[in-house]
């Protein structure tokens, strides 16, 4: 084998060895929702979406978080390789008025491993 072939083969092996730990740490994202159990229809309420995703990096990250009330989309946040959240656990918030009981659902999408989802109910008085 030529010297340049050995260098290429060594580089591929080293790259594979480097990537294995990242793959082992990586997972489907999990999500939970923190919201007041009851709110007034006259006052805005803040809903916090808490995301847990291990092994984030420029090639593997949460690229979208979507918050729904039933089938109605309330807010969608998008991220790319330069704007993704770098910590394993982070949160984002939505503030809005609710005129009826809310059946909240958050869907978090990892660009490699797919979706994770969480739900919460909020009563409006």
PDB file of N, CA and C in Angstrom:
ATOM      1  N   UNK A   1       0.851  -1.174   0.000  1.00  0.00           N
ATOM      2  CA  UNK A   1       0.000   0.000   0.000  1.00  0.00           C
ATOM      3  C   UNK A   1       0.894   1.234   0.000  1.00  0.00           C
ATOM      4  N   UNK A   2       0.548   2.193  -0.840  1.00  0.00           N
ATOM      5  CA  UNK A   2       1.324   3.422  -0.905  1.00  0.00           C
ATOM      6  C   UNK A   2       1.183   4.210   0.385  1.00  0.00           C
ATOM      7  N   UNK A   3       2.128   5.072   0.628  1.00  0.00           N
ATOM      8  CA  UNK A   3       2.138   5.898   1.838  1.00  0.00           C
ATOM      9  C   UNK A   3       0.895   6.775   1.927  1.00  0.00           C
ATOM     10  N   UNK A   4       0.461   7.357   0.827  1.00  0.00           N
ATOM     11  CA  UNK A   4      -0.725   8.227   0.855  1.00  0.00           C
ATOM     12  C   UNK A   4      -1.989   7.415   1.159  1.00  0.00           C
ATOM     13  N   UNK A   5      -2.031   6.167   0.710  1.00  0.00           N
ATOM     14  CA  UNK A   5      -3.169   5.301   1.018  1.00  0.00           C
ATOM     15  C   UNK A   5      -3.243   4.976   2.495  1.00  0.00           C
ATOM     16  N   UNK A   6      -2.076   4.749   3.106  1.00  0.00           N
ATOM     17  CA  UNK A   6      -2.025   4.472   4.541  1.00  0.00           C
ATOM     18  C   UNK A   6      -2.474   5.686   5.349  1.00  0.00           C
ATOM     19  N   UNK A   7      -2.104   6.858   4.893  1.00  0.00           N
ATOM     20  CA  UNK A   7      -2.504   8.096   5.581  1.00  0.00           C
ATOM     21  C   UNK A   7      -4.015   8.265   5.521  1.00  0.00           C
ATOM     22  N   UNK A   8      -4.603   8.033   4.364  1.00  0.00           N
ATOM     23  CA  UNK A   8      -6.052   8.157   4.204  1.00  0.00           C
ATOM     24  C   UNK A   8      -6.769   7.136   5.080  1.00  0.00           C
ATOM     25  N   UNK A   9      -6.286   5.894   5.071  1.00  0.00           N
ATOM     26  CA  UNK A   9      -6.892   4.847   5.882  1.00  0.00           C
ATOM     27  C   UNK A   9      -6.783   5.186   7.370  1.00  0.00           C
ATOM     28  N   UNK A  10      -5.645   5.662   7.801  1.00  0.00           N
ATOM     29  CA  UNK A  10      -5.456   6.062   9.199  1.00  0.00           C
ATOM     30  C   UNK A  10      -6.400   7.203   9.559  1.00  0.00           C
ATOM     31  N   UNK A  11      -6.555   8.167   8.673  1.00  0.00           N
ATOM     32  CA  UNK A  11      -7.453   9.300   8.922  1.00  0.00           C
ATOM     33  C   UNK A  11      -8.901   8.827   9.054  1.00  0.00           C
ATOM     34  N   UNK A  12      -9.318   7.886   8.233  1.00  0.00           N
ATOM     35  CA  UNK A  12     -10.689   7.359   8.303  1.00  0.00           C
ATOM     36  C   UNK A  12     -10.906   6.621   9.624  1.00  0.00           C
ATOM     37  N   UNK A  13      -9.936   5.822  10.026  1.00  0.00           N
ATOM     38  CA  UNK A  13     -10.055   5.081  11.293  1.00  0.00           C
ATOM     39  C   UNK A  13     -10.124   6.047  12.472  1.00  0.00           C
ATOM     40  N   UNK A  14      -9.265   7.060  12.477  1.00  0.00           N
ATOM     41  CA  UNK A  14      -9.282   8.049  13.566  1.00  0.00           C
ATOM     42  C   UNK A  14     -10.601   8.811  13.603  1.00  0.00           C
ATOM     43  N   UNK A  15     -11.123   9.169  12.453  1.00  0.00           N
ATOM     44  CA  UNK A  15     -12.413   9.866  12.391  1.00  0.00           C
ATOM     45  C   UNK A  15     -13.526   8.981  12.936  1.00  0.00           C
ATOM     46  N   UNK A  16     -13.518   7.709  12.578  1.00  0.00           N
ATOM     47  CA  UNK A  16     -14.535   6.772  13.073  1.00  0.00           C
ATOM     48  C   UNK A  16     -14.436   6.629  14.581  1.00  0.00           C
ATOM     49  N   UNK A  17     -13.219   6.551  15.101  1.00  0.00           N
ATOM     50  CA  UNK A  17     -13.028   6.423  16.549  1.00  0.00           C
ATOM     51  C   UNK A  17     -13.508   7.687  17.271  1.00  0.00           C
ATOM     52  N   UNK A  18     -13.332   8.833  16.659  1.00  0.00           N
ATOM     53  CA  UNK A  18     -13.778  10.101  17.241  1.00  0.00           C
ATOM     54  C   UNK A  18     -15.302  10.185  17.256  1.00  0.00           C
ATOM     55  N   UNK A  19     -15.943   9.694  16.211  1.00  0.00           N
ATOM     56  CA  UNK A  19     -17.398   9.812  16.077  1.00  0.00           C
ATOM     57  C   UNK A  19     -18.152   8.820  16.961  1.00  0.00           C
ATOM     58  N   UNK A  20     -17.585   7.690  17.299  1.00  0.00           N
ATOM     59  CA  UNK A  20     -18.286   6.677  18.093  1.00  0.00           C
ATOM     60  C   UNK A  20     -18.766   7.230  19.428  1.00  0.00           C
ATOM     61  N   UNK A  21     -17.934   7.930  20.213  1.00  0.00           N
ATOM     62  CA  UNK A  21     -18.441   8.455  21.493  1.00  0.00           C
ATOM     63  C   UNK A  21     -19.598   9.424  21.314  1.00  0.00           C
ATOM     64  N   UNK A  22     -19.573  10.241  20.271  1.00  0.00           N
ATOM     65  CA  UNK A  22     -20.681  11.170  20.038  1.00  0.00           C
ATOM     66  C   UNK A  22     -21.963  10.423  19.731  1.00  0.00           C
ATOM     67  N   UNK A  23     -21.861   9.339  18.974  1.00  0.00           N
ATOM     68  CA  UNK A  23     -23.035   8.548  18.638  1.00  0.00           C
ATOM     69  C   UNK A  23     -23.596   7.862  19.878  1.00  0.00           C
ATOM     70  N   UNK A  24     -22.733   7.371  20.749  1.00  0.00           N
ATOM     71  CA  UNK A  24     -23.177   6.698  21.964  1.00  0.00           C
ATOM     72  C   UNK A  24     -23.918   7.681  22.877  1.00  0.00           C
ATOM     73  N   UNK A  25     -23.442   8.920  22.950  1.00  0.00           N
ATOM     74  CA  UNK A  25     -24.078   9.929  23.794  1.00  0.00           C
ATOM     75  C   UNK A  25     -25.372  10.463  23.196  1.00  0.00           C
ATOM     76  N   UNK A  26     -25.516  10.379  21.900  1.00  0.00           N
ATOM     77  CA  UNK A  26     -26.656  10.976  21.213  1.00  0.00           C
ATOM     78  C   UNK A  26     -27.946  10.234  21.538  1.00  0.00           C
ATOM     79  N   UNK A  27     -29.065  10.981  21.476  1.00  0.00           N
ATOM     80  CA  UNK A  27     -30.355  10.358  21.751  1.00  0.00           C
ATOM     81  C   UNK A  27     -31.484  11.115  21.075  1.00  0.00           C
ATOM     82  N   UNK A  28     -32.654  10.510  21.113  1.00  0.00           N
ATOM     83  CA  UNK A  28     -33.868  11.203  20.694  1.00  0.00           C
ATOM     84  C   UNK A  28     -34.154  12.242  21.768  1.00  0.00           C
ATOM     85  N   UNK A  29     -34.488  13.469  21.402  1.00  0.00           N
ATOM     86  CA  UNK A  29     -34.725  14.480  22.424  1.00  0.00           C
ATOM     87  C   UNK A  29     -35.968  14.165  23.258  1.00  0.00           C
ATOM     88  N   UNK A  30     -35.916  14.559  24.525  1.00  0.00           N
ATOM     89  CA  UNK A  30     -37.108  14.480  25.368  1.00  0.00           C
ATOM     90  C   UNK A  30     -37.533  15.898  25.698  1.00  0.00           C
ATOM     91  N   UNK A  31     -38.794  16.054  26.032  1.00  0.00           N
ATOM     92  CA  UNK A  31     -39.333  17.390  26.257  1.00  0.00           C
ATOM     93  C   UNK A  31     -40.395  17.336  27.340  1.00  0.00           C
ATOM     94  N   UNK A  32     -40.459  18.391  28.124  1.00  0.00           N
ATOM     95  CA  UNK A  32     -41.546  18.549  29.085  1.00  0.00           C
ATOM     96  C   UNK A  32     -42.039  19.988  28.995  1.00  0.00           C
ATOM     97  N   UNK A  33     -43.229  20.209  29.533  1.00  0.00           N
ATOM     98  CA  UNK A  33     -43.850  21.534  29.487  1.00  0.00           C
ATOM     99  C   UNK A  33     -44.143  21.977  30.908  1.00  0.00           C
ATOM    100  N   UNK A  34     -43.762  23.202  31.212  1.00  0.00           N
ATOM    101  CA  UNK A  34     -44.082  23.802  32.499  1.00  0.00           C
ATOM    102  C   UNK A  34     -45.065  24.935  32.240  1.00  0.00           C
ATOM    103  N   UNK A  35     -46.243  24.832  32.848  1.00  0.00           N
ATOM    104  CA  UNK A  35     -47.282  25.841  32.663  1.00  0.00           C
ATOM    105  C   UNK A  35     -48.091  25.947  33.946  1.00  0.00           C
ATOM    106  N   UNK A  36     -48.676  27.107  34.212  1.00  0.00           N
ATOM    107  CA  UNK A  36     -49.552  27.209  35.386  1.00  0.00           C
ATOM    108  C   UNK A  36     -50.706  26.218  35.244  1.00  0.00           C
ATOM    109  N   UNK A  37     -51.158  25.644  36.364  1.00  0.00           N
ATOM    110  CA  UNK A  37     -52.272  24.696  36.272  1.00  0.00           C
ATOM    111  C   UNK A  37     -53.572  25.414  35.942  1.00  0.00           C
ATOM    112  N   UNK A  38     -53.730  26.657  36.410  1.00  0.00           N
ATOM    113  CA  UNK A  38     -54.902  27.467  36.063  1.00  0.00           C
ATOM    114  C   UNK A  38     -54.445  28.883  35.737  1.00  0.00           C
ATOM    115  N   UNK A  39     -55.139  29.498  34.814  1.00  0.00           N
ATOM    116  CA  UNK A  39     -54.853  30.884  34.421  1.00  0.00           C
ATOM    117  C   UNK A  39     -56.163  31.618  34.196  1.00  0.00           C
ATOM    118  N   UNK A  40     -56.088  32.938  34.198  1.00  0.00           N
ATOM    119  CA  UNK A  40     -57.243  33.782  33.894  1.00  0.00           C
ATOM    120  C   UNK A  40     -57.245  34.088  32.400  1.00  0.00           C
ATOM    121  N   UNK A  41     -58.424  34.113  31.812  1.00  0.00           N
ATOM    122  CA  UNK A  41     -58.512  34.407  30.376  1.00  0.00           C
ATOM    123  C   UNK A  41     -58.126  35.860  30.080  1.00  0.00           C
ATOM    124  N   UNK A  42     -58.141  36.739  31.100  1.00  0.00           N
ATOM    125  CA  UNK A  42     -57.794  38.144  30.890  1.00  0.00           C
ATOM    126  C   UNK A  42     -56.295  38.415  30.998  1.00  0.00           C
ATOM    127  N   UNK A  43     -55.529  37.450  31.482  1.00  0.00           N
ATOM    128  CA  UNK A  43     -54.098  37.674  31.711  1.00  0.00           C
ATOM    129  C   UNK A  43     -53.259  36.737  30.829  1.00  0.00           C
ATOM    130  N   UNK A  44     -52.160  37.243  30.282  1.00  0.00           N
ATOM    131  CA  UNK A  44     -51.279  36.350  29.522  1.00  0.00           C
ATOM    132  C   UNK A  44     -50.645  35.303  30.435  1.00  0.00           C
ATOM    133  N   UNK A  45     -50.394  34.143  29.889  1.00  0.00           N
ATOM    134  CA  UNK A  45     -49.759  33.050  30.628  1.00  0.00           C
ATOM    135  C   UNK A  45     -48.475  32.660  29.902  1.00  0.00           C
ATOM    136  N   UNK A  46     -47.465  32.301  30.679  1.00  0.00           N
ATOM    137  CA  UNK A  46     -46.197  31.865  30.091  1.00  0.00           C
ATOM    138  C   UNK A  46     -46.078  30.350  30.201  1.00  0.00           C
ATOM    139  N   UNK A  47     -45.779  29.741  29.078  1.00  0.00           N
ATOM    140  CA  UNK A  47     -45.570  28.298  28.970  1.00  0.00           C
ATOM    141  C   UNK A  47     -44.094  28.090  28.641  1.00  0.00           C
ATOM    142  N   UNK A  48     -43.430  27.238  29.404  1.00  0.00           N
ATOM    143  CA  UNK A  48     -42.016  26.969  29.169  1.00  0.00           C
ATOM    144  C   UNK A  48     -41.845  25.537  28.672  1.00  0.00           C
ATOM    145  N   UNK A  49     -41.108  25.396  27.605  1.00  0.00           N
ATOM    146  CA  UNK A  49     -40.797  24.092  27.022  1.00  0.00           C
ATOM    147  C   UNK A  49     -39.359  23.760  27.424  1.00  0.00           C
ATOM    148  N   UNK A  50     -39.190  22.638  28.123  1.00  0.00           N
ATOM    149  CA  UNK A  50     -37.867  22.207  28.583  1.00  0.00           C
ATOM    150  C   UNK A  50     -37.410  21.037  27.714  1.00  0.00           C
ATOM    151  N   UNK A  51     -36.244  21.199  27.087  1.00  0.00           N
ATOM    152  CA  UNK A  51     -35.722  20.216  26.143  1.00  0.00           C
ATOM    153  C   UNK A  51     -34.479  19.556  26.732  1.00  0.00           C
ATOM    154  N   UNK A  52     -34.390  18.235  26.567  1.00  0.00           N
ATOM    155  CA  UNK A  52     -33.200  17.494  26.959  1.00  0.00           C
ATOM    156  C   UNK A  52     -32.717  16.730  25.734  1.00  0.00           C
ATOM    157  N   UNK A  53     -31.468  17.030  25.313  1.00  0.00           N
ATOM    158  CA  UNK A  53     -30.905  16.376  24.127  1.00  0.00           C
ATOM    159  C   UNK A  53     -29.398  16.247  24.308  1.00  0.00           C
ATOM    160  N   UNK A  54     -28.922  15.030  24.386  1.00  0.00           N
ATOM    161  CA  UNK A  54     -27.502  14.778  24.600  1.00  0.00           C
ATOM    162  C   UNK A  54     -26.739  14.719  23.286  1.00  0.00           C
ATOM    163  N   UNK A  55     -25.472  15.087  23.330  1.00  0.00           N
ATOM    164  CA  UNK A  55     -24.594  14.925  22.174  1.00  0.00           C
ATOM    165  C   UNK A  55     -24.769  15.953  21.084  1.00  0.00           C
ATOM    166  N   UNK A  56     -25.277  17.135  21.409  1.00  0.00           N
ATOM    167  CA  UNK A  56     -25.465  18.168  20.382  1.00  0.00           C
ATOM    168  C   UNK A  56     -24.128  18.664  19.855  1.00  0.00           C
ATOM    169  N   UNK A  57     -24.099  18.938  18.574  1.00  0.00           N
ATOM    170  CA  UNK A  57     -22.935  19.497  17.901  1.00  0.00           C
ATOM    171  C   UNK A  57     -23.380  20.041  16.560  1.00  0.00           C
ATOM    172  N   UNK A  58     -22.492  20.646  15.803  1.00  0.00           N
ATOM    173  CA  UNK A  58     -22.881  21.272  14.533  1.00  0.00           C
ATOM    174  C   UNK A  58     -23.547  20.318  13.535  1.00  0.00           C
ATOM    175  N   UNK A  59     -23.284  19.020  13.644  1.00  0.00           N
ATOM    176  CA  UNK A  59     -23.904  18.066  12.729  1.00  0.00           C
ATOM    177  C   UNK A  59     -25.049  17.280  13.346  1.00  0.00           C
ATOM    178  N   UNK A  60     -25.349  17.537  14.626  1.00  0.00           N
ATOM    179  CA  UNK A  60     -26.373  16.773  15.349  1.00  0.00           C
ATOM    180  C   UNK A  60     -26.974  17.674  16.419  1.00  0.00           C
ATOM    181  N   UNK A  61     -28.216  18.109  16.200  1.00  0.00           N
ATOM    182  CA  UNK A  61     -28.819  19.093  17.098  1.00  0.00           C
ATOM    183  C   UNK A  61     -30.332  19.098  16.959  1.00  0.00           C
ATOM    184  N   UNK A  62     -30.998  19.744  17.907  1.00  0.00           N
ATOM    185  CA  UNK A  62     -32.436  19.978  17.804  1.00  0.00           C
ATOM    186  C   UNK A  62     -32.628  21.095  16.780  1.00  0.00           C
ATOM    187  N   UNK A  63     -33.347  20.787  15.703  1.00  0.00           N
ATOM    188  CA  UNK A  63     -33.536  21.799  14.670  1.00  0.00           C
ATOM    189  C   UNK A  63     -34.913  22.457  14.700  1.00  0.00           C
ATOM    190  N   UNK A  64     -35.837  21.885  15.512  1.00  0.00           N
ATOM    191  CA  UNK A  64     -37.172  22.496  15.557  1.00  0.00           C
ATOM    192  C   UNK A  64     -37.881  22.120  16.846  1.00  0.00           C
ATOM    193  N   UNK A  65     -38.555  23.100  17.429  1.00  0.00           N
ATOM    194  CA  UNK A  65     -39.434  22.894  18.578  1.00  0.00           C
ATOM    195  C   UNK A  65     -40.761  23.544  18.211  1.00  0.00           C
ATOM    196  N   UNK A  66     -41.846  22.786  18.348  1.00  0.00           N
ATOM    197  CA  UNK A  66     -43.165  23.309  18.006  1.00  0.00           C
ATOM    198  C   UNK A  66     -44.091  23.124  19.202  1.00  0.00           C
ATOM    199  N   UNK A  67     -44.805  24.197  19.563  1.00  0.00           N
ATOM    200  CA  UNK A  67     -45.752  24.170  20.670  1.00  0.00           C
ATOM    201  C   UNK A  67     -47.167  24.283  20.103  1.00  0.00           C
ATOM    202  N   UNK A  68     -48.028  23.360  20.532  1.00  0.00           N
ATOM    203  CA  UNK A  68     -49.423  23.320  20.073  1.00  0.00           C
ATOM    204  C   UNK A  68     -50.374  23.450  21.254  1.00  0.00           C
ATOM    205  N   UNK A  69     -51.562  23.988  20.968  1.00  0.00           N
ATOM    206  CA  UNK A  69     -52.726  23.883  21.850  1.00  0.00           C
ATOM    207  C   UNK A  69     -53.735  23.061  21.059  1.00  0.00           C
ATOM    208  N   UNK A  70     -53.882  21.791  21.422  1.00  0.00           N
ATOM    209  CA  UNK A  70     -54.685  20.876  20.590  1.00  0.00           C
ATOM    210  C   UNK A  70     -54.002  20.731  19.241  1.00  0.00           C
ATOM    211  N   UNK A  71     -54.728  21.041  18.154  1.00  0.00           N
ATOM    212  CA  UNK A  71     -54.164  20.981  16.805  1.00  0.00           C
ATOM    213  C   UNK A  71     -53.658  22.333  16.315  1.00  0.00           C
ATOM    214  N   UNK A  72     -53.852  23.377  17.132  1.00  0.00           N
ATOM    215  CA  UNK A  72     -53.452  24.729  16.726  1.00  0.00           C
ATOM    216  C   UNK A  72     -51.998  24.991  17.126  1.00  0.00           C
ATOM    217  N   UNK A  73     -51.167  25.326  16.131  1.00  0.00           N
ATOM    218  CA  UNK A  73     -49.776  25.653  16.427  1.00  0.00           C
ATOM    219  C   UNK A  73     -49.715  27.046  17.057  1.00  0.00           C
ATOM    220  N   UNK A  74     -49.084  27.114  18.240  1.00  0.00           N
ATOM    221  CA  UNK A  74     -48.912  28.386  18.925  1.00  0.00           C
ATOM    222  C   UNK A  74     -47.607  29.067  18.535  1.00  0.00           C
ATOM    223  N   UNK A  75     -46.546  28.274  18.429  1.00  0.00           N
ATOM    224  CA  UNK A  75     -45.223  28.840  18.150  1.00  0.00           C
ATOM    225  C   UNK A  75     -44.314  27.735  17.635  1.00  0.00           C
ATOM    226  N   UNK A  76     -43.449  28.121  16.687  1.00  0.00           N
ATOM    227  CA  UNK A  76     -42.426  27.198  16.210  1.00  0.00           C
ATOM    228  C   UNK A  76     -41.081  27.915  16.247  1.00  0.00           C
ATOM    229  N   UNK A  77     -40.099  27.259  16.841  1.00  0.00           N
ATOM    230  CA  UNK A  77     -38.735  27.776  16.894  1.00  0.00           C
ATOM    231  C   UNK A  77     -37.883  26.896  15.994  1.00  0.00           C
ATOM    232  N   UNK A  78     -37.026  27.504  15.174  1.00  0.00           N
ATOM    233  CA  UNK A  78     -36.146  26.746  14.279  1.00  0.00           C
ATOM    234  C   UNK A  78     -34.686  27.073  14.576  1.00  0.00           C
ATOM    235  N   UNK A  79     -33.835  26.063  14.431  1.00  0.00           N
ATOM    236  CA  UNK A  79     -32.407  26.211  14.687  1.00  0.00           C
ATOM    237  C   UNK A  79     -31.643  25.549  13.551  1.00  0.00           C
ATOM    238  N   UNK A  80     -30.419  26.019  13.321  1.00  0.00           N
ATOM    239  CA  UNK A  80     -29.556  25.382  12.327  1.00  0.00           C
ATOM    240  C   UNK A  80     -28.184  25.133  12.950  1.00  0.00           C
ATOM    241  N   UNK A  81     -27.232  24.734  12.132  1.00  0.00           N
ATOM    242  CA  UNK A  81     -25.917  24.347  12.666  1.00  0.00           C
ATOM    243  C   UNK A  81     -25.171  25.503  13.320  1.00  0.00           C
ATOM    244  N   UNK A  82     -25.598  26.733  13.077  1.00  0.00           N
ATOM    245  CA  UNK A  82     -24.929  27.866  13.718  1.00  0.00           C
ATOM    246  C   UNK A  82     -25.748  28.467  14.859  1.00  0.00           C
ATOM    247  N   UNK A  83     -27.014  28.089  14.987  1.00  0.00           N
ATOM    248  CA  UNK A  83     -27.862  28.700  16.033  1.00  0.00           C
ATOM    249  C   UNK A  83     -28.426  27.687  17.032  1.00  0.00           C
ATOM    250  N   UNK A  84     -28.038  26.413  16.920  1.00  0.00           N
ATOM    251  CA  UNK A  84     -28.602  25.386  17.796  1.00  0.00           C
ATOM    252  C   UNK A  84     -28.227  25.637  19.260  1.00  0.00           C
ATOM    253  N   UNK A  85     -29.042  25.108  20.164  1.00  0.00           N
ATOM    254  CA  UNK A  85     -28.789  25.217  21.600  1.00  0.00           C
ATOM    255  C   UNK A  85     -27.733  24.185  21.980  1.00  0.00           C
ATOM    256  N   UNK A  86     -26.675  24.624  22.655  1.00  0.00           N
ATOM    257  CA  UNK A  86     -25.514  23.767  22.867  1.00  0.00           C
ATOM    258  C   UNK A  86     -25.560  22.920  24.138  1.00  0.00           C
ATOM    259  N   UNK A  87     -26.309  23.287  25.127  1.00  0.00           N
ATOM    260  CA  UNK A  87     -26.356  22.507  26.364  1.00  0.00           C
ATOM    261  C   UNK A  87     -27.251  21.291  26.231  1.00  0.00           C
ATOM    262  N   UNK A  88     -27.076  20.308  27.122  1.00  0.00           N
ATOM    263  CA  UNK A  88     -27.928  19.116  27.048  1.00  0.00           C
ATOM    264  C   UNK A  88     -29.366  19.408  27.492  1.00  0.00           C
ATOM    265  N   UNK A  89     -29.565  20.394  28.378  1.00  0.00           N
ATOM    266  CA  UNK A  89     -30.909  20.770  28.823  1.00  0.00           C
ATOM    267  C   UNK A  89     -31.056  22.278  28.697  1.00  0.00           C
ATOM    268  N   UNK A  90     -32.133  22.694  28.053  1.00  0.00           N
ATOM    269  CA  UNK A  90     -32.387  24.121  27.858  1.00  0.00           C
ATOM    270  C   UNK A  90     -33.894  24.338  27.727  1.00  0.00           C
ATOM    271  N   UNK A  91     -34.310  25.595  27.813  1.00  0.00           N
ATOM    272  CA  UNK A  91     -35.744  25.872  27.700  1.00  0.00           C
ATOM    273  C   UNK A  91     -35.999  27.101  26.838  1.00  0.00           C
ATOM    274  N   UNK A  92     -37.219  27.159  26.344  1.00  0.00           N
ATOM    275  CA  UNK A  92     -37.718  28.309  25.602  1.00  0.00           C
ATOM    276  C   UNK A  92     -39.139  28.565  26.082  1.00  0.00           C
ATOM    277  N   UNK A  93     -39.593  29.818  25.968  1.00  0.00           N
ATOM    278  CA  UNK A  93     -40.903  30.172  26.514  1.00  0.00           C
ATOM    279  C   UNK A  93     -41.795  30.837  25.484  1.00  0.00           C
ATOM    280  N   UNK A  94     -43.079  30.651  25.696  1.00  0.00           N
ATOM    281  CA  UNK A  94     -44.128  31.282  24.895  1.00  0.00           C
ATOM    282  C   UNK A  94     -45.079  31.960  25.869  1.00  0.00           C
ATOM    283  N   UNK A  95     -45.436  33.205  25.593  1.00  0.00           N
ATOM    284  CA  UNK A  95     -46.415  33.924  26.404  1.00  0.00           C
ATOM    285  C   UNK A  95     -47.580  34.324  25.510  1.00  0.00           C
ATOM    286  N   UNK A  96     -48.786  34.004  25.977  1.00  0.00           N
ATOM    287  CA  UNK A  96     -49.972  34.348  25.196  1.00  0.00           C
ATOM    288  C   UNK A  96     -51.220  34.271  26.053  1.00  0.00           C
ATOM    289  N   UNK A  97     -52.331  34.731  25.491  1.00  0.00           N
ATOM    290  CA  UNK A  97     -53.618  34.658  26.176  1.00  0.00           C
ATOM    291  C   UNK A  97     -54.333  33.380  25.745  1.00  0.00           C
ATOM    292  N   UNK A  98     -54.987  32.766  26.706  1.00  0.00           N
ATOM    293  CA  UNK A  98     -55.745  31.546  26.448  1.00  0.00           C
ATOM    294  C   UNK A  98     -57.181  31.804  26.878  1.00  0.00           C
ATOM    295  N   UNK A  99     -58.149  31.562  25.985  1.00  0.00           N
ATOM    296  CA  UNK A  99     -59.554  31.819  26.319  1.00  0.00           C
ATOM    297  C   UNK A  99     -60.323  30.541  26.664  1.00  0.00           C
ATOM    298  N   UNK A 100     -59.652  29.402  26.584  1.00  0.00           N
ATOM    299  CA  UNK A 100     -60.271  28.125  26.955  1.00  0.00           C
ATOM    300  C   UNK A 100     -59.170  27.218  27.510  1.00  0.00           C
ATOM    301  N   UNK A 101     -59.582  26.120  28.122  1.00  0.00           N
ATOM    302  CA  UNK A 101     -58.604  25.171  28.643  1.00  0.00           C
ATOM    303  C   UNK A 101     -57.646  24.777  27.520  1.00  0.00           C
ATOM    304  N   UNK A 102     -56.374  24.672  27.857  1.00  0.00           N
ATOM    305  CA  UNK A 102     -55.355  24.395  26.844  1.00  0.00           C
ATOM    306  C   UNK A 102     -54.831  22.977  27.002  1.00  0.00           C
ATOM    307  N   UNK A 103     -54.805  22.256  25.908  1.00  0.00           N
ATOM    308  CA  UNK A 103     -54.179  20.929  25.844  1.00  0.00           C
ATOM    309  C   UNK A 103     -52.858  21.112  25.109  1.00  0.00           C
ATOM    310  N   UNK A 104     -51.831  21.435  25.887  1.00  0.00           N
ATOM    311  CA  UNK A 104     -50.547  21.796  25.314  1.00  0.00           C
ATOM    312  C   UNK A 104     -49.751  20.557  24.917  1.00  0.00           C
ATOM    313  N   UNK A 105     -49.079  20.665  23.782  1.00  0.00           N
ATOM    314  CA  UNK A 105     -48.210  19.588  23.309  1.00  0.00           C
ATOM    315  C   UNK A 105     -46.986  20.246  22.673  1.00  0.00           C
ATOM    316  N   UNK A 106     -45.815  19.768  23.042  1.00  0.00           N
ATOM    317  CA  UNK A 106     -44.576  20.242  22.424  1.00  0.00           C
ATOM    318  C   UNK A 106     -43.934  19.076  21.692  1.00  0.00           C
ATOM    319  N   UNK A 107     -43.488  19.347  20.483  1.00  0.00           N
ATOM    320  CA  UNK A 107     -42.760  18.356  19.693  1.00  0.00           C
ATOM    321  C   UNK A 107     -41.381  18.930  19.404  1.00  0.00           C
ATOM    322  N   UNK A 108     -40.365  18.137  19.722  1.00  0.00           N
ATOM    323  CA  UNK A 108     -38.982  18.526  19.523  1.00  0.00           C
ATOM    324  C   UNK A 108     -38.388  17.601  18.477  1.00  0.00           C
ATOM    325  N   UNK A 109     -37.705  18.163  17.490  1.00  0.00           N
ATOM    326  CA  UNK A 109     -37.149  17.345  16.409  1.00  0.00           C
ATOM    327  C   UNK A 109     -35.631  17.438  16.378  1.00  0.00           C
ATOM    328  N   UNK A 110     -34.972  16.284  16.450  1.00  0.00           N
ATOM    329  CA  UNK A 110     -33.521  16.167  16.278  1.00  0.00           C
ATOM    330  C   UNK A 110     -33.254  15.916  14.792  1.00  0.00           C
ATOM    331  N   UNK A 111     -32.268  16.607  14.241  1.00  0.00           N
ATOM    332  CA  UNK A 111     -32.007  16.469  12.805  1.00  0.00           C
ATOM    333  C   UNK A 111     -31.525  15.075  12.407  1.00  0.00           C
ATOM    334  N   UNK A 112     -31.147  14.237  13.386  1.00  0.00           N
ATOM    335  CA  UNK A 112     -30.720  12.866  13.078  1.00  0.00           C
ATOM    336  C   UNK A 112     -31.691  11.828  13.627  1.00  0.00           C
ATOM    337  N   UNK A 113     -32.152  11.992  14.877  1.00  0.00           N
ATOM    338  CA  UNK A 113     -32.906  10.944  15.563  1.00  0.00           C
ATOM    339  C   UNK A 113     -34.415  11.124  15.576  1.00  0.00           C
ATOM    340  N   UNK A 114     -34.933  12.220  15.066  1.00  0.00           N
ATOM    341  CA  UNK A 114     -36.379  12.382  14.975  1.00  0.00           C
ATOM    342  C   UNK A 114     -37.002  13.103  16.149  1.00  0.00           C
ATOM    343  N   UNK A 115     -38.290  12.777  16.403  1.00  0.00           N
ATOM    344  CA  UNK A 115     -39.127  13.541  17.321  1.00  0.00           C
ATOM    345  C   UNK A 115     -39.194  12.967  18.723  1.00  0.00           C
ATOM    346  N   UNK A 116     -39.371  13.885  19.668  1.00  0.00           N
ATOM    347  CA  UNK A 116     -39.757  13.589  21.032  1.00  0.00           C
ATOM    348  C   UNK A 116     -40.940  14.488  21.346  1.00  0.00           C
ATOM    349  N   UNK A 117     -41.855  14.087  22.238  1.00  0.00           N
ATOM    350  CA  UNK A 117     -43.044  14.904  22.517  1.00  0.00           C
ATOM    351  C   UNK A 117     -43.372  14.883  23.998  1.00  0.00           C
ATOM    352  N   UNK A 118     -44.024  15.950  24.453  1.00  0.00           N
ATOM    353  CA  UNK A 118     -44.496  16.062  25.815  1.00  0.00           C
ATOM    354  C   UNK A 118     -45.810  16.807  25.838  1.00  0.00           C
ATOM    355  N   UNK A 119     -46.642  16.580  26.862  1.00  0.00           N
ATOM    356  CA  UNK A 119     -47.959  17.228  26.945  1.00  0.00           C
ATOM    357  C   UNK A 119     -48.184  17.799  28.334  1.00  0.00           C
ATOM    358  N   UNK A 120     -49.126  18.731  28.412  1.00  0.00           N
ATOM    359  CA  UNK A 120     -49.535  19.349  29.677  1.00  0.00           C
ATOM    360  C   UNK A 120     -50.914  19.975  29.461  1.00  0.00           C
ATOM    361  N   UNK A 121     -51.750  19.971  30.498  1.00  0.00           N
ATOM    362  CA  UNK A 121     -53.071  20.608  30.411  1.00  0.00           C
ATOM    363  C   UNK A 121     -53.077  21.835  31.304  1.00  0.00           C
ATOM    364  N   UNK A 122     -53.676  22.926  30.807  1.00  0.00           N
ATOM    365  CA  UNK A 122     -53.791  24.165  31.549  1.00  0.00           C
ATOM    366  C   UNK A 122     -55.261  24.581  31.569  1.00  0.00           C
ATOM    367  N   UNK A 123     -55.826  24.813  32.752  1.00  0.00           N
ATOM    368  CA  UNK A 123     -57.232  25.186  32.906  1.00  0.00           C
ATOM    369  C   UNK A 123     -57.351  26.709  32.874  1.00  0.00           C
ATOM    370  N   UNK A 124     -58.294  27.210  32.079  1.00  0.00           N
ATOM    371  CA  UNK A 124     -58.548  28.646  31.993  1.00  0.00           C
ATOM    372  C   UNK A 124     -59.829  28.971  32.725  1.00  0.00           C
ATOM    373  N   UNK A 125     -59.753  29.952  33.640  1.00  0.00           N
ATOM    374  CA  UNK A 125     -60.940  30.372  34.401  1.00  0.00           C
ATOM    375  C   UNK A 125     -61.292  31.792  34.070  1.00  0.00           C
TER     376      UNK A 125
END
